[in-house]
Amino acid sequence: MMTESTGTDRTPVVFRRYEMKYMVTRSQFAELLPVIMKYMKEDEFGRYKICNIYLDTKQYSLIRSSLEKPLYKEKLRLRSYGTPQPDSVVFLELKKKYDGIVYKRRVPMTLEEARMYLSRGIYPTGRDSQNLRELDFAVSKYKPVPGAYLSYDRISLVGIDNPLLRMTFDHNITCRNTDMLLEHGSYGQKILDDDRLIMEVKIPDNMPLWLASLLSEFRIFPTSYSKYGTYYTSCLAGGAAMVQKHSESFTADQEIAAVVEKGGVYCA
């Protein structure tokens, strides 16, 4: 995994790793955890809530392409840890996946700086980085708008002997496609049964033998699961045409004015 300093206490701004997802029940989680904790521990943040605004085209082109499982795909999102205030640090992220390898670029900034960058193209102070230039290119290419608010609770583990081995358990996945403001907190529709968690293993190369054996013993196999993709498929796909028609009835200036007036983030 490659890293760069963020100037914050959060995780690095550059990632290159494999990410594998598994669906587990709460009973499986209860059985797995004692074994896993022989090799891993909660990271410095432990248990917390992640909140995202997924950014997409007006036609939801990014998630629609991702669901077709191409060799290369990418996502844009604005992420906070917990419900942010205007001066809280958030992360603007570009996540790419090519041939099974995940590459992620993220730029830390305050929520207010993110609002100014996305609505008016004003760079955050001291953030003229390669990562931001890559995000600039994606924003120029896709002209994204907020596609969905999505939050979840996370348990985050790190390897005791290998800090590059990471594992997360996500639950309480909550989504909405109105009032897409991070500062308004987590509420909306649940898209995962309360009895289930999304387990994700994040590694720079091969999976440790102990973990591979454990998953085999419990007959837990990789699954293709996208939180945003699940929400789009179950709740948004039928209304995509209507959203497109509605959005085309406004000019860009009207959209910016309406969102900024409400204290929101507009993506040009």
C-alpha atoms as a PDB file:
ATOM      1  CA  MET A   1       0.000   0.000   0.000  1.00  0.00           C
ATOM      2  CA  MET A   2       1.412   3.387  -0.945  1.00  0.00           C
ATOM      3  CA  THR A   3       0.779   6.282   1.406  1.00  0.00           C
ATOM      4  CA  GLU A   4       1.096  10.042   1.582  1.00  0.00           C
ATOM      5  CA  SER A   5       0.785  12.321   4.588  1.00  0.00           C
ATOM      6  CA  THR A   6      -2.707  13.700   5.052  1.00  0.00           C
ATOM      7  CA  GLY A   7      -2.051  16.351   7.648  1.00  0.00           C
ATOM      8  CA  THR A   8      -4.823  14.699   9.684  1.00  0.00           C
ATOM      9  CA  ASP A   9      -5.119  11.669  11.943  1.00  0.00           C
ATOM     10  CA  ARG A  10      -7.106   9.706   9.396  1.00  0.00           C
ATOM     11  CA  THR A  11      -5.920   7.059   6.961  1.00  0.00           C
ATOM     12  CA  PRO A  12      -3.542   7.651   4.000  1.00  0.00           C
ATOM     13  CA  VAL A  13      -4.590   9.554   0.899  1.00  0.00           C
ATOM     14  CA  VAL A  14      -3.308   6.920  -1.572  1.00  0.00           C
ATOM     15  CA  PHE A  15      -4.189   3.223  -1.587  1.00  0.00           C
ATOM     16  CA  ARG A  16      -3.331   0.233  -3.763  1.00  0.00           C
ATOM     17  CA  ARG A  17      -4.703  -3.067  -2.509  1.00  0.00           C
ATOM     18  CA  TYR A  18      -7.039  -6.021  -3.020  1.00  0.00           C
ATOM     19  CA  GLU A  19     -10.441  -5.796  -1.387  1.00  0.00           C
ATOM     20  CA  MET A  20     -12.636  -8.879  -0.949  1.00  0.00           C
ATOM     21  CA  LYS A  21     -16.175  -8.776   0.429  1.00  0.00           C
ATOM     22  CA  TYR A  22     -18.137 -11.412   2.306  1.00  0.00           C
ATOM     23  CA  MET A  23     -21.676 -11.497   3.704  1.00  0.00           C
ATOM     24  CA  VAL A  24     -21.853 -12.889   7.254  1.00  0.00           C
ATOM     25  CA  THR A  25     -24.652 -13.348   9.758  1.00  0.00           C
ATOM     26  CA  ARG A  26     -24.398 -12.036  13.293  1.00  0.00           C
ATOM     27  CA  SER A  27     -24.037 -15.582  14.606  1.00  0.00           C
ATOM     28  CA  GLN A  28     -21.125 -16.202  12.212  1.00  0.00           C
ATOM     29  CA  PHE A  29     -19.590 -12.897  13.277  1.00  0.00           C
ATOM     30  CA  ALA A  30     -19.818 -13.939  16.943  1.00  0.00           C
ATOM     31  CA  GLU A  31     -18.016 -17.206  16.154  1.00  0.00           C
ATOM     32  CA  LEU A  32     -15.400 -15.665  13.855  1.00  0.00           C
ATOM     33  CA  LEU A  33     -14.396 -12.735  16.015  1.00  0.00           C
ATOM     34  CA  PRO A  34     -12.630 -14.597  18.867  1.00  0.00           C
ATOM     35  CA  VAL A  35     -10.421 -16.387  16.328  1.00  0.00           C
ATOM     36  CA  ILE A  36      -9.758 -13.256  14.278  1.00  0.00           C
ATOM     37  CA  MET A  37      -8.753 -11.313  17.391  1.00  0.00           C
ATOM     38  CA  LYS A  38      -5.851 -13.698  17.956  1.00  0.00           C
ATOM     39  CA  TYR A  39      -4.248 -12.130  14.874  1.00  0.00           C
ATOM     40  CA  MET A  40      -5.895  -8.705  14.678  1.00  0.00           C
ATOM     41  CA  LYS A  41      -6.988  -5.844  16.920  1.00  0.00           C
ATOM     42  CA  GLU A  42      -9.253  -2.849  16.609  1.00  0.00           C
ATOM     43  CA  ASP A  43      -7.410  -0.052  14.857  1.00  0.00           C
ATOM     44  CA  GLU A  44      -6.942   3.364  16.450  1.00  0.00           C
ATOM     45  CA  PHE A  45     -10.490   4.382  15.512  1.00  0.00           C
ATOM     46  CA  GLY A  46     -12.178   1.060  16.358  1.00  0.00           C
ATOM     47  CA  ARG A  47     -15.914   1.566  15.912  1.00  0.00           C
ATOM     48  CA  TYR A  48     -17.372   4.549  14.105  1.00  0.00           C
ATOM     49  CA  LYS A  49     -19.907   5.762  11.560  1.00  0.00           C
ATOM     50  CA  ILE A  50     -18.987   6.503   7.942  1.00  0.00           C
ATOM     51  CA  CYS A  51     -21.142   8.937   5.968  1.00  0.00           C
ATOM     52  CA  ASN A  52     -20.901   9.402   2.197  1.00  0.00           C
ATOM     53  CA  ILE A  53     -22.364  11.409  -0.617  1.00  0.00           C
ATOM     54  CA  TYR A  54     -21.902   9.310  -3.755  1.00  0.00           C
ATOM     55  CA  LEU A  55     -21.398  11.547  -6.772  1.00  0.00           C
ATOM     56  CA  ASP A  56     -22.654  10.465 -10.166  1.00  0.00           C
ATOM     57  CA  THR A  57     -23.865  11.787 -13.485  1.00  0.00           C
ATOM     58  CA  LYS A  58     -27.494  12.846 -13.818  1.00  0.00           C
ATOM     59  CA  GLN A  59     -28.100   9.540 -15.618  1.00  0.00           C
ATOM     60  CA  TYR A  60     -26.331   7.491 -12.874  1.00  0.00           C
ATOM     61  CA  SER A  61     -23.754   6.443 -15.454  1.00  0.00           C
ATOM     62  CA  LEU A  62     -21.007   5.606 -12.955  1.00  0.00           C
ATOM     63  CA  ILE A  63     -23.000   3.125 -10.904  1.00  0.00           C
ATOM     64  CA  ARG A  64     -24.748   1.678 -13.958  1.00  0.00           C
ATOM     65  CA  SER A  65     -21.352   1.006 -15.540  1.00  0.00           C
ATOM     66  CA  SER A  66     -20.015  -0.463 -12.284  1.00  0.00           C
ATOM     67  CA  LEU A  67     -22.927  -2.912 -12.052  1.00  0.00           C
ATOM     68  CA  GLU A  68     -21.988  -4.305 -15.469  1.00  0.00           C
ATOM     69  CA  LYS A  69     -18.713  -5.502 -13.850  1.00  0.00           C
ATOM     70  CA  PRO A  70     -16.240  -4.042 -16.363  1.00  0.00           C
ATOM     71  CA  LEU A  71     -12.498  -4.627 -16.105  1.00  0.00           C
ATOM     72  CA  TYR A  72     -12.092  -0.980 -15.074  1.00  0.00           C
ATOM     73  CA  LYS A  73     -14.515   1.135 -13.050  1.00  0.00           C
ATOM     74  CA  GLU A  74     -14.437   4.161 -10.792  1.00  0.00           C
ATOM     75  CA  LYS A  75     -16.506   5.973  -8.173  1.00  0.00           C
ATOM     76  CA  LEU A  76     -16.550   9.492  -6.767  1.00  0.00           C
ATOM     77  CA  ARG A  77     -17.688  10.300  -3.249  1.00  0.00           C
ATOM     78  CA  LEU A  78     -17.444  12.796  -0.422  1.00  0.00           C
ATOM     79  CA  ARG A  79     -16.838  11.037   2.896  1.00  0.00           C
ATOM     80  CA  SER A  80     -16.974  12.024   6.545  1.00  0.00           C
ATOM     81  CA  TYR A  81     -16.395  10.090   9.732  1.00  0.00           C
ATOM     82  CA  GLY A  82     -19.457  10.855  11.791  1.00  0.00           C
ATOM     83  CA  THR A  83     -21.760  13.806  11.117  1.00  0.00           C
ATOM     84  CA  PRO A  84     -19.553  16.774  10.165  1.00  0.00           C
ATOM     85  CA  GLN A  85     -19.762  20.467  10.935  1.00  0.00           C
ATOM     86  CA  PRO A  86     -18.680  23.104   8.355  1.00  0.00           C
ATOM     87  CA  ASP A  87     -15.132  23.122   9.770  1.00  0.00           C
ATOM     88  CA  SER A  88     -14.879  19.311  10.113  1.00  0.00           C
ATOM     89  CA  VAL A  89     -12.395  17.433   7.932  1.00  0.00           C
ATOM     90  CA  VAL A  90     -14.005  15.392   5.157  1.00  0.00           C
ATOM     91  CA  PHE A  91     -12.448  13.457   2.268  1.00  0.00           C
ATOM     92  CA  LEU A  92     -13.135  13.821  -1.423  1.00  0.00           C
ATOM     93  CA  GLU A  93     -12.341  10.424  -2.936  1.00  0.00           C
ATOM     94  CA  LEU A  94     -11.794   8.862  -6.335  1.00  0.00           C
ATOM     95  CA  LYS A  95     -11.890   5.061  -6.165  1.00  0.00           C
ATOM     96  CA  LYS A  96     -10.717   3.044  -9.144  1.00  0.00           C
ATOM     97  CA  LYS A  97     -10.720  -0.702  -9.640  1.00  0.00           C
ATOM     98  CA  TYR A  98      -8.787  -2.408 -12.404  1.00  0.00           C
ATOM     99  CA  ASP A  99      -8.444  -6.164 -12.796  1.00  0.00           C
ATOM    100  CA  GLY A 100      -9.322  -6.766  -9.162  1.00  0.00           C
ATOM    101  CA  ILE A 101      -6.919  -4.196  -7.688  1.00  0.00           C
ATOM    102  CA  VAL A 102      -8.332  -1.140  -5.913  1.00  0.00           C
ATOM    103  CA  TYR A 103      -6.656   2.246  -6.262  1.00  0.00           C
ATOM    104  CA  LYS A 104      -8.002   5.087  -4.146  1.00  0.00           C
ATOM    105  CA  ARG A 105      -7.110   8.766  -4.156  1.00  0.00           C
ATOM    106  CA  ARG A 106      -8.454  11.025  -1.421  1.00  0.00           C
ATOM    107  CA  VAL A 107      -8.024  14.688  -0.564  1.00  0.00           C
ATOM    108  CA  PRO A 108      -8.726  15.948   2.982  1.00  0.00           C
ATOM    109  CA  MET A 109     -10.465  19.313   3.343  1.00  0.00           C
ATOM    110  CA  THR A 110     -13.098  20.900   5.516  1.00  0.00           C
ATOM    111  CA  LEU A 111     -16.743  20.450   4.612  1.00  0.00           C
ATOM    112  CA  GLU A 112     -16.943  24.138   3.737  1.00  0.00           C
ATOM    113  CA  GLU A 113     -13.848  23.829   1.512  1.00  0.00           C
ATOM    114  CA  ALA A 114     -15.434  20.815  -0.205  1.00  0.00           C
ATOM    115  CA  ARG A 115     -18.580  22.853  -0.772  1.00  0.00           C
ATOM    116  CA  MET A 116     -16.620  25.692  -2.361  1.00  0.00           C
ATOM    117  CA  TYR A 117     -14.508  23.348  -4.489  1.00  0.00           C
ATOM    118  CA  LEU A 118     -17.435  21.329  -5.804  1.00  0.00           C
ATOM    119  CA  SER A 119     -19.793  24.251  -6.366  1.00  0.00           C
ATOM    120  CA  ARG A 120     -17.363  26.897  -7.608  1.00  0.00           C
ATOM    121  CA  GLY A 121     -14.081  25.156  -8.390  1.00  0.00           C
ATOM    122  CA  ILE A 122     -12.219  27.025  -5.608  1.00  0.00           C
ATOM    123  CA  TYR A 123      -9.244  24.951  -4.477  1.00  0.00           C
ATOM    124  CA  PRO A 124      -8.814  24.262  -0.757  1.00  0.00           C
ATOM    125  CA  THR A 125      -5.872  26.159   0.717  1.00  0.00           C
ATOM    126  CA  GLY A 126      -2.630  24.239   0.298  1.00  0.00           C
ATOM    127  CA  ARG A 127      -4.257  21.297  -1.490  1.00  0.00           C
ATOM    128  CA  ASP A 128      -2.856  21.679  -5.031  1.00  0.00           C
ATOM    129  CA  SER A 129      -1.789  18.026  -5.155  1.00  0.00           C
ATOM    130  CA  GLN A 130      -1.618  15.256  -7.727  1.00  0.00           C
ATOM    131  CA  ASN A 131      -4.626  13.661  -6.076  1.00  0.00           C
ATOM    132  CA  LEU A 132      -6.677  16.818  -6.468  1.00  0.00           C
ATOM    133  CA  ARG A 133      -5.633  17.111 -10.111  1.00  0.00           C
ATOM    134  CA  GLU A 134      -6.873  13.555 -10.688  1.00  0.00           C
ATOM    135  CA  LEU A 135     -10.146  14.472  -9.015  1.00  0.00           C
ATOM    136  CA  ASP A 136     -10.330  17.598 -11.174  1.00  0.00           C
ATOM    137  CA  PHE A 137     -10.114  15.443 -14.271  1.00  0.00           C
ATOM    138  CA  ALA A 138     -12.897  13.127 -13.051  1.00  0.00           C
ATOM    139  CA  VAL A 139     -15.159  16.041 -12.095  1.00  0.00           C
ATOM    140  CA  SER A 140     -14.573  17.657 -15.493  1.00  0.00           C
ATOM    141  CA  LYS A 141     -15.236  14.369 -17.261  1.00  0.00           C
ATOM    142  CA  TYR A 142     -18.418  13.308 -15.468  1.00  0.00           C
ATOM    143  CA  LYS A 143     -19.879  16.635 -14.294  1.00  0.00           C
ATOM    144  CA  PRO A 144     -21.254  14.794 -11.244  1.00  0.00           C
ATOM    145  CA  VAL A 145     -24.157  15.664  -8.990  1.00  0.00           C
ATOM    146  CA  PRO A 146     -25.088  14.056  -5.655  1.00  0.00           C
ATOM    147  CA  GLY A 147     -26.476  10.588  -6.409  1.00  0.00           C
ATOM    148  CA  ALA A 148     -27.150   9.172  -2.944  1.00  0.00           C
ATOM    149  CA  TYR A 149     -26.451   9.674   0.737  1.00  0.00           C
ATOM    150  CA  LEU A 150     -25.166   6.441   2.284  1.00  0.00           C
ATOM    151  CA  SER A 151     -23.980   5.791   5.851  1.00  0.00           C
ATOM    152  CA  TYR A 152     -23.082   2.737   7.911  1.00  0.00           C
ATOM    153  CA  ASP A 153     -21.523   1.692  11.195  1.00  0.00           C
ATOM    154  CA  ARG A 154     -18.085   0.100  10.957  1.00  0.00           C
ATOM    155  CA  ILE A 155     -15.877  -2.093  13.120  1.00  0.00           C
ATOM    156  CA  SER A 156     -12.304  -1.727  11.863  1.00  0.00           C
ATOM    157  CA  LEU A 157      -9.478  -4.192  12.562  1.00  0.00           C
ATOM    158  CA  VAL A 158      -5.776  -4.161  11.730  1.00  0.00           C
ATOM    159  CA  GLY A 159      -3.236  -6.992  11.768  1.00  0.00           C
ATOM    160  CA  ILE A 160      -1.139  -7.262  14.932  1.00  0.00           C
ATOM    161  CA  ASP A 161       1.986  -8.457  13.101  1.00  0.00           C
ATOM    162  CA  ASN A 162       1.025  -7.111   9.679  1.00  0.00           C
ATOM    163  CA  PRO A 163      -0.476  -3.592   9.824  1.00  0.00           C
ATOM    164  CA  LEU A 164      -1.184  -3.720   6.076  1.00  0.00           C
ATOM    165  CA  LEU A 165      -3.795  -6.411   6.713  1.00  0.00           C
ATOM    166  CA  ARG A 166      -7.110  -4.753   7.454  1.00  0.00           C
ATOM    167  CA  MET A 167     -10.619  -6.087   8.004  1.00  0.00           C
ATOM    168  CA  THR A 168     -13.892  -4.217   8.402  1.00  0.00           C
ATOM    169  CA  PHE A 169     -17.430  -5.189   9.373  1.00  0.00           C
ATOM    170  CA  ASP A 170     -20.173  -2.827   8.158  1.00  0.00           C
ATOM    171  CA  HIS A 171     -23.795  -2.825   9.280  1.00  0.00           C
ATOM    172  CA  ASN A 172     -26.777  -0.492   9.664  1.00  0.00           C
ATOM    173  CA  ILE A 173     -26.457   0.643   6.044  1.00  0.00           C
ATOM    174  CA  THR A 174     -28.745   3.651   5.608  1.00  0.00           C
ATOM    175  CA  CYS A 175     -29.501   5.467   2.342  1.00  0.00           C
ATOM    176  CA  ARG A 176     -31.524   8.338   0.929  1.00  0.00           C
ATOM    177  CA  ASN A 177     -31.624  10.367  -2.288  1.00  0.00           C
ATOM    178  CA  THR A 178     -33.095  13.579  -0.872  1.00  0.00           C
ATOM    179  CA  ASP A 179     -31.573  16.050   1.586  1.00  0.00           C
ATOM    180  CA  MET A 180     -28.110  14.876   0.527  1.00  0.00           C
ATOM    181  CA  LEU A 181     -26.153  16.911   3.053  1.00  0.00           C
ATOM    182  CA  LEU A 182     -23.576  15.222   5.259  1.00  0.00           C
ATOM    183  CA  GLU A 183     -24.197  17.662   8.092  1.00  0.00           C
ATOM    184  CA  HIS A 184     -27.844  16.582   8.368  1.00  0.00           C
ATOM    185  CA  GLY A 185     -26.865  13.217   9.815  1.00  0.00           C
ATOM    186  CA  SER A 186     -27.783   9.605   9.187  1.00  0.00           C
ATOM    187  CA  TYR A 187     -31.383   8.716   8.408  1.00  0.00           C
ATOM    188  CA  GLY A 188     -33.188   7.040   5.535  1.00  0.00           C
ATOM    189  CA  GLN A 189     -33.887   3.584   4.179  1.00  0.00           C
ATOM    190  CA  LYS A 190     -32.099   0.451   5.425  1.00  0.00           C
ATOM    191  CA  ILE A 191     -30.850  -1.833   2.636  1.00  0.00           C
ATOM    192  CA  LEU A 192     -29.348  -4.709   4.653  1.00  0.00           C
ATOM    193  CA  ASP A 193     -31.073  -7.069   7.072  1.00  0.00           C
ATOM    194  CA  ASP A 194     -30.229  -6.399  10.715  1.00  0.00           C
ATOM    195  CA  ASP A 195     -28.917  -9.963  10.985  1.00  0.00           C
ATOM    196  CA  ARG A 196     -26.215  -9.413   8.360  1.00  0.00           C
ATOM    197  CA  LEU A 197     -22.883  -7.624   8.143  1.00  0.00           C
ATOM    198  CA  ILE A 198     -20.584  -6.907   5.211  1.00  0.00           C
ATOM    199  CA  MET A 199     -17.114  -8.201   6.016  1.00  0.00           C
ATOM    200  CA  GLU A 200     -14.302  -6.805   3.890  1.00  0.00           C
ATOM    201  CA  VAL A 201     -10.703  -8.035   3.806  1.00  0.00           C
ATOM    202  CA  LYS A 202      -8.151  -5.499   2.543  1.00  0.00           C
ATOM    203  CA  ILE A 203      -4.682  -6.749   1.706  1.00  0.00           C
ATOM    204  CA  PRO A 204      -1.719  -5.607  -0.440  1.00  0.00           C
ATOM    205  CA  ASP A 205      -1.019  -9.139  -1.741  1.00  0.00           C
ATOM    206  CA  ASN A 206      -1.854 -12.709  -0.656  1.00  0.00           C
ATOM    207  CA  MET A 207      -4.382 -13.536   2.048  1.00  0.00           C
ATOM    208  CA  PRO A 208      -2.800 -14.965   5.230  1.00  0.00           C
ATOM    209  CA  LEU A 209      -3.105 -18.735   5.528  1.00  0.00           C
ATOM    210  CA  TRP A 210      -4.873 -18.543   8.904  1.00  0.00           C
ATOM    211  CA  LEU A 211      -7.594 -16.333   7.444  1.00  0.00           C
ATOM    212  CA  ALA A 212      -8.061 -18.409   4.308  1.00  0.00           C
ATOM    213  CA  SER A 213      -8.403 -21.550   6.467  1.00  0.00           C
ATOM    214  CA  LEU A 214     -10.868 -19.844   8.797  1.00  0.00           C
ATOM    215  CA  LEU A 215     -13.138 -18.686   5.969  1.00  0.00           C
ATOM    216  CA  SER A 216     -12.993 -22.146   4.400  1.00  0.00           C
ATOM    217  CA  GLU A 217     -13.893 -23.793   7.708  1.00  0.00           C
ATOM    218  CA  PHE A 218     -16.979 -21.588   8.081  1.00  0.00           C
ATOM    219  CA  ARG A 219     -17.808 -21.917   4.369  1.00  0.00           C
ATOM    220  CA  ILE A 220     -17.769 -18.164   3.890  1.00  0.00           C
ATOM    221  CA  PHE A 221     -17.138 -17.256   0.280  1.00  0.00           C
ATOM    222  CA  PRO A 222     -16.466 -13.961  -1.526  1.00  0.00           C
ATOM    223  CA  THR A 223     -19.473 -12.067  -2.787  1.00  0.00           C
ATOM    224  CA  SER A 224     -19.943  -9.148  -5.128  1.00  0.00           C
ATOM    225  CA  TYR A 225     -21.716  -6.514  -3.058  1.00  0.00           C
ATOM    226  CA  SER A 226     -21.848  -2.781  -3.635  1.00  0.00           C
ATOM    227  CA  LYS A 227     -23.676  -0.630  -1.098  1.00  0.00           C
ATOM    228  CA  TYR A 228     -24.363   2.137  -3.589  1.00  0.00           C
ATOM    229  CA  GLY A 229     -25.102  -0.435  -6.300  1.00  0.00           C
ATOM    230  CA  THR A 230     -27.616  -2.225  -4.082  1.00  0.00           C
ATOM    231  CA  TYR A 231     -29.379   1.034  -3.256  1.00  0.00           C
ATOM    232  CA  TYR A 232     -29.427   2.083  -6.901  1.00  0.00           C
ATOM    233  CA  THR A 233     -30.802  -1.273  -8.067  1.00  0.00           C
ATOM    234  CA  SER A 234     -33.459  -1.567  -5.381  1.00  0.00           C
ATOM    235  CA  CYS A 235     -34.551   2.056  -5.034  1.00  0.00           C
ATOM    236  CA  LEU A 236     -33.276   4.361  -7.765  1.00  0.00           C
ATOM    237  CA  ALA A 237     -33.093   2.470 -11.066  1.00  0.00           C
ATOM    238  CA  GLY A 238     -36.802   2.826 -11.840  1.00  0.00           C
ATOM    239  CA  GLY A 239     -36.691   6.552 -11.268  1.00  0.00           C
ATOM    240  CA  ALA A 240     -33.489   7.333 -13.159  1.00  0.00           C
ATOM    241  CA  ALA A 241     -35.309   8.539 -16.255  1.00  0.00           C
ATOM    242  CA  MET A 242     -37.541  10.792 -14.158  1.00  0.00           C
ATOM    243  CA  VAL A 243     -34.526  12.202 -12.310  1.00  0.00           C
ATOM    244  CA  GLN A 244     -32.834  12.957 -15.614  1.00  0.00           C
ATOM    245  CA  LYS A 245     -35.915  14.693 -16.978  1.00  0.00           C
ATOM    246  CA  HIS A 246     -36.313  16.708 -13.784  1.00  0.00           C
ATOM    247  CA  SER A 247     -32.667  17.777 -13.648  1.00  0.00           C
ATOM    248  CA  GLU A 248     -32.690  18.930 -17.250  1.00  0.00           C
ATOM    249  CA  SER A 249     -35.437  21.428 -16.443  1.00  0.00           C
ATOM    250  CA  PHE A 250     -32.962  23.565 -14.448  1.00  0.00           C
ATOM    251  CA  THR A 251     -29.946  25.509 -15.626  1.00  0.00           C
ATOM    252  CA  ALA A 252     -26.619  24.933 -13.911  1.00  0.00           C
ATOM    253  CA  ASP A 253     -26.778  28.371 -12.258  1.00  0.00           C
ATOM    254  CA  GLN A 254     -30.239  27.624 -10.870  1.00  0.00           C
ATOM    255  CA  GLU A 255     -29.060  24.288  -9.476  1.00  0.00           C
ATOM    256  CA  ILE A 256     -26.026  25.853  -7.781  1.00  0.00           C
ATOM    257  CA  ALA A 257     -28.092  28.672  -6.297  1.00  0.00           C
ATOM    258  CA  ALA A 258     -30.718  26.284  -4.957  1.00  0.00           C
ATOM    259  CA  VAL A 259     -28.210  23.945  -3.315  1.00  0.00           C
ATOM    260  CA  VAL A 260     -25.854  26.577  -1.913  1.00  0.00           C
ATOM    261  CA  GLU A 261     -28.815  28.465  -0.468  1.00  0.00           C
ATOM    262  CA  LYS A 262     -29.666  25.341   1.545  1.00  0.00           C
ATOM    263  CA  GLY A 263     -26.065  24.930   2.701  1.00  0.00           C
ATOM    264  CA  GLY A 264     -25.468  21.897   0.492  1.00  0.00           C
ATOM    265  CA  VAL A 265     -22.738  20.636  -1.796  1.00  0.00           C
ATOM    266  CA  TYR A 266     -23.245  21.072  -5.523  1.00  0.00           C
ATOM    267  CA  CYS A 267     -20.992  19.233  -7.968  1.00  0.00           C
ATOM    268  CA  ALA A 268     -20.427  21.072 -11.223  1.00  0.00           C
END
